[in-house]
Amino acid sequence: MNNEAVVKTFAAVGTPQIADAGLRRKIPVHVAPFGIAPVVSGSRVTGRALPVQHFGSVDIFLEAMQSADPGDVLVIDNEGRTEEGCIGDLTVLEAQAAGLSGIVVWGVHRDSPQLKQIGLPVFSYGRWPGGPERLDERSADALRVARFGHLEVTRNEFVFADDDGCVFVRQDQLDQILASAAAIAETEVRQAHKIGTGERLSDQLKFKEYLRKRNERPGYTFRQHLREIGGAIEE
């Protein structure tokens, strides 16, 4: 599945549905550590990961972009640092010019007003006015893997980010995850509409029936019940 097809599918779902799809399919969906957020609320981005590690100089970002495909998402590993803004307006402008669809950073950004004007989706862990003062030795895998908390992101992952956070899905599992996410989203929309017309969620989910079965069958879980009736509130 290419970037364009993934973008089209993601337009109808969100990161919660993708995470739930992983649970339903028993396929690992890797969730970025808590706290990542878009510079501009409401931003959404998806595409194949373009990993890069930061060592104090912007040249590594420019080098990574040389091999970018249209729609890729630059995934920056700055080891979660909060005391240096590792990207600013010029890097984001260059990413936009290179055809990238956005940037996610395990770290923080600066030049917030300019980034908001540029409009390219940028996700980070906050802002910090100071730039890097260090210049560390570059590792051999600097352009092959970006560590994101406990995760290791490579070109084999697709990135999905919105107001709820950021998740990574392996490319060979993408079709299954997105198909399930779309089905979950459709079910949730239908359930929400019914609530709006007066049918309570507990009635839709046959909650009294669940309570009866739980009393009759020790160990019977709400997730089992949801699977049996086609509900989607938890997965």
Protein backbone atom coordinates (compact mmCIF):
# COMPACT_ATOMS: atom_id res chain seq x y z
CA MET A 1 0.00 0.00 0.00
CA ASN A 2 1.48 3.35 -1.03
CA ASN A 3 1.36 6.69 0.77
CA GLU A 4 -1.60 7.96 -1.27
CA ALA A 5 -3.77 4.91 -0.50
CA VAL A 6 -2.90 5.06 3.19
CA VAL A 7 -3.79 8.77 3.38
CA LYS A 8 -7.18 8.08 1.81
CA THR A 9 -7.97 5.36 4.35
CA PHE A 10 -6.69 7.37 7.34
CA ALA A 11 -9.05 10.21 6.42
CA ALA A 12 -11.93 8.10 7.78
CA VAL A 13 -10.26 6.81 10.96
CA GLY A 14 -8.03 8.03 13.78
CA THR A 15 -5.18 6.73 15.88
CA PRO A 16 -7.58 5.25 18.50
CA GLN A 17 -9.22 3.05 15.85
CA ILE A 18 -5.81 1.96 14.55
CA ALA A 19 -4.70 1.05 18.08
CA ASP A 20 -7.97 -0.86 18.62
CA ALA A 21 -7.50 -2.64 15.29
CA GLY A 22 -4.17 -3.95 16.52
CA LEU A 23 -5.87 -5.28 19.65
CA ARG A 24 -8.59 -6.95 17.60
CA ARG A 25 -6.16 -8.52 15.14
CA LYS A 26 -3.61 -9.37 17.83
CA ILE A 27 -1.03 -7.44 15.81
CA PRO A 28 1.39 -5.09 17.59
CA VAL A 29 0.63 -1.42 16.94
CA HIS A 30 3.41 0.65 18.48
CA VAL A 31 2.25 3.78 20.29
CA ALA A 32 4.64 6.71 20.72
CA PRO A 33 5.39 7.65 24.35
CA PHE A 34 2.84 9.85 26.11
CA GLY A 35 2.87 13.58 25.44
CA ILE A 36 3.38 13.98 21.70
CA ALA A 37 1.10 16.63 20.22
CA PRO A 38 0.67 18.63 17.02
CA VAL A 39 2.02 22.17 16.82
CA VAL A 40 -1.35 23.09 15.31
CA SER A 41 -4.34 21.44 16.96
CA GLY A 42 -6.34 19.37 14.51
CA SER A 43 -3.35 18.42 12.39
CA ARG A 44 -3.20 14.89 11.00
CA VAL A 45 -0.41 13.14 9.15
CA THR A 46 0.35 9.72 7.77
CA GLY A 47 2.97 8.22 5.50
CA ARG A 48 5.94 5.91 5.38
CA ALA A 49 8.54 6.66 8.03
CA LEU A 50 11.75 8.42 7.01
CA PRO A 51 13.91 7.82 10.11
CA VAL A 52 16.81 10.03 11.15
CA GLN A 53 18.85 10.55 14.30
CA HIS A 54 19.94 14.02 15.39
CA PHE A 55 23.47 14.70 16.60
CA GLY A 56 23.35 18.49 16.91
CA SER A 57 23.52 19.63 13.30
CA VAL A 58 20.79 20.16 10.71
CA ASP A 59 22.81 18.54 7.92
CA ILE A 60 21.54 15.08 8.93
CA PHE A 61 17.97 16.16 8.18
CA LEU A 62 18.94 17.49 4.76
CA GLU A 63 20.73 14.24 4.00
CA ALA A 64 17.74 12.14 5.03
CA MET A 65 15.48 14.12 2.73
CA GLN A 66 17.67 13.24 -0.26
CA SER A 67 16.16 9.74 -0.23
CA ALA A 68 12.58 10.75 0.60
CA ASP A 69 9.58 9.66 -1.43
CA PRO A 70 6.59 12.00 -1.77
CA GLY A 71 4.36 11.73 1.27
CA ASP A 72 6.98 10.33 3.65
CA VAL A 73 6.99 11.44 7.29
CA LEU A 74 10.32 12.52 8.79
CA VAL A 75 10.71 10.69 12.11
CA ILE A 76 13.38 12.42 14.20
CA ASP A 77 15.15 10.75 17.09
CA ASN A 78 16.48 13.42 19.45
CA GLU A 79 16.47 11.04 22.43
CA GLY A 80 13.50 12.82 23.95
CA ARG A 81 15.53 15.92 24.81
CA THR A 82 13.46 18.82 26.10
CA GLU A 83 16.31 21.31 26.47
CA GLU A 84 17.01 21.90 22.77
CA GLY A 85 14.68 22.76 19.93
CA CYS A 86 16.09 20.42 17.28
CA ILE A 87 13.91 21.65 14.40
CA GLY A 88 12.60 25.06 13.40
CA ASP A 89 11.11 26.87 10.47
CA LEU A 90 13.91 26.27 7.94
CA THR A 91 13.93 22.49 8.43
CA VAL A 92 10.15 22.40 8.16
CA LEU A 93 10.18 24.53 5.00
CA GLU A 94 12.78 22.20 3.48
CA ALA A 95 10.67 19.17 4.39
CA GLN A 96 7.67 20.76 2.73
CA ALA A 97 9.71 21.55 -0.39
CA ALA A 98 10.95 17.93 -0.47
CA GLY A 99 7.37 16.67 -0.63
CA LEU A 100 7.19 15.25 2.89
CA SER A 101 3.75 15.09 4.47
CA GLY A 102 4.92 15.97 7.98
CA ILE A 103 7.41 15.52 10.81
CA VAL A 104 7.23 13.72 14.16
CA VAL A 105 9.94 14.36 16.74
CA TRP A 106 11.04 12.48 19.83
CA GLY A 107 12.10 15.81 21.23
CA VAL A 108 10.94 19.42 20.98
CA HIS A 109 10.72 22.15 18.35
CA ARG A 110 11.12 25.93 18.18
CA ASP A 111 9.91 28.78 15.90
CA SER A 112 6.30 27.93 16.76
CA PRO A 113 4.68 30.99 15.10
CA GLN A 114 6.50 30.30 11.85
CA LEU A 115 5.63 26.60 11.96
CA LYS A 116 1.97 27.49 12.34
CA GLN A 117 2.18 29.73 9.28
CA ILE A 118 3.96 27.09 7.19
CA GLY A 119 1.19 24.61 7.89
CA LEU A 120 3.13 21.35 7.45
CA PRO A 121 1.99 18.97 10.22
CA VAL A 122 4.63 18.82 12.96
CA PHE A 123 4.28 16.68 16.08
CA SER A 124 6.64 17.00 19.05
CA TYR A 125 6.83 16.98 22.84
CA GLY A 126 6.73 20.75 23.21
CA ARG A 127 8.76 23.90 22.52
CA TRP A 128 12.08 25.27 23.59
CA PRO A 129 13.68 28.47 22.26
CA GLY A 130 17.31 27.34 22.40
CA GLY A 131 18.87 25.36 19.60
CA PRO A 132 21.48 22.59 19.89
CA GLU A 133 24.86 23.47 21.37
CA ARG A 134 26.35 19.99 21.11
CA LEU A 135 27.87 18.21 18.12
CA ASP A 136 28.00 14.48 18.79
CA GLU A 137 29.58 11.72 16.78
CA ARG A 138 27.25 10.27 14.19
CA SER A 139 26.23 6.61 14.51
CA ALA A 140 26.38 4.08 11.69
CA ASP A 141 22.60 3.62 11.63
CA ALA A 142 21.77 7.34 11.68
CA LEU A 143 19.60 7.14 8.56
CA ARG A 144 18.23 3.63 9.08
CA VAL A 145 16.51 3.74 12.45
CA ALA A 146 14.97 6.37 14.71
CA ARG A 147 14.47 5.41 18.32
CA PHE A 148 11.24 6.77 19.73
CA GLY A 149 11.15 6.01 23.42
CA HIS A 150 11.40 2.22 23.60
CA LEU A 151 10.47 1.88 19.92
CA GLU A 152 12.74 1.52 16.92
CA VAL A 153 11.23 3.02 13.77
CA THR A 154 12.54 2.06 10.32
CA ARG A 155 11.47 2.52 6.70
CA ASN A 156 9.29 -0.56 7.20
CA GLU A 157 6.85 1.42 9.38
CA PHE A 158 4.01 3.74 8.52
CA VAL A 159 3.29 6.71 10.77
CA PHE A 160 -0.17 7.83 11.89
CA ALA A 161 -0.54 10.96 14.04
CA ASP A 162 -3.42 13.16 15.14
CA ASP A 163 -4.61 15.00 18.25
CA ASP A 164 -4.68 11.73 20.23
CA GLY A 165 -1.05 10.87 19.60
CA CYS A 166 1.14 8.91 17.21
CA VAL A 167 1.26 5.23 16.29
CA PHE A 168 3.52 3.15 14.05
CA VAL A 169 2.39 0.15 11.99
CA ARG A 170 4.60 -2.27 10.11
CA GLN A 171 4.11 -2.08 6.35
CA ASP A 172 3.40 -5.80 5.95
CA GLN A 173 0.56 -5.54 8.49
CA LEU A 174 -0.92 -2.32 7.16
CA ASP A 175 -3.77 -3.76 5.08
CA GLN A 176 -5.12 -5.82 7.97
CA ILE A 177 -4.88 -2.98 10.46
CA LEU A 178 -6.51 -0.38 8.24
CA ALA A 179 -9.34 -2.72 7.22
CA SER A 180 -10.15 -3.40 10.87
CA ALA A 181 -9.76 0.27 11.81
CA ALA A 182 -12.23 1.28 9.09
CA ALA A 183 -14.75 -1.30 10.29
CA ILE A 184 -14.38 -0.14 13.90
CA ALA A 185 -14.84 3.50 12.86
CA GLU A 186 -18.00 2.67 10.90
CA THR A 187 -19.45 0.84 13.89
CA GLU A 188 -18.66 3.74 16.23
CA VAL A 189 -20.28 6.26 13.88
CA ARG A 190 -23.39 4.11 13.72
CA GLN A 191 -23.48 3.75 17.50
CA ALA A 192 -23.04 7.49 18.03
CA HIS A 193 -25.89 8.22 15.63
CA LYS A 194 -28.18 5.86 17.51
CA ILE A 195 -27.35 7.55 20.82
CA GLY A 196 -28.28 10.85 19.20
CA THR A 197 -31.68 9.44 18.24
CA GLY A 198 -32.39 8.19 21.75
CA GLU A 199 -31.06 4.63 21.78
CA ARG A 200 -28.72 4.39 24.75
CA LEU A 201 -25.34 2.73 24.31
CA SER A 202 -26.12 0.22 27.06
CA ASP A 203 -29.15 -0.93 25.04
CA GLN A 204 -27.17 -1.13 21.79
CA LEU A 205 -24.53 -3.22 23.51
CA LYS A 206 -27.13 -5.44 25.20
CA PHE A 207 -25.54 -4.70 28.55
CA LYS A 208 -28.20 -6.48 30.62
CA GLU A 209 -27.61 -9.59 28.54
CA TYR A 210 -23.88 -9.27 29.21
CA LEU A 211 -24.49 -9.04 32.96
CA ARG A 212 -26.66 -12.17 32.82
CA LYS A 213 -24.01 -14.11 30.86
CA ARG A 214 -21.30 -12.96 33.24
CA ASN A 215 -23.28 -14.33 36.17
CA GLU A 216 -23.80 -17.64 34.35
CA ARG A 217 -20.28 -17.96 32.94
CA PRO A 218 -17.48 -16.97 35.36
CA GLY A 219 -14.66 -15.40 33.41
CA TYR A 220 -16.90 -14.14 30.61
CA THR A 221 -15.57 -10.70 29.65
CA PHE A 222 -17.11 -7.62 28.15
CA ARG A 223 -14.73 -7.90 25.19
CA GLN A 224 -16.02 -11.39 24.46
CA HIS A 225 -19.53 -10.02 24.56
CA LEU A 226 -18.65 -7.16 22.22
CA ARG A 227 -17.13 -9.55 19.70
CA GLU A 228 -20.25 -11.69 19.78
CA ILE A 229 -22.60 -8.78 19.09
CA GLY A 230 -20.30 -6.75 16.81
CA GLY A 231 -19.72 -3.85 19.19
CA ALA A 232 -16.62 -1.69 18.91
CA ILE A 233 -16.37 0.50 21.98
CA GLU A 234 -13.20 -1.17 23.29
CA GLU A 235 -11.65 -2.59 20.11
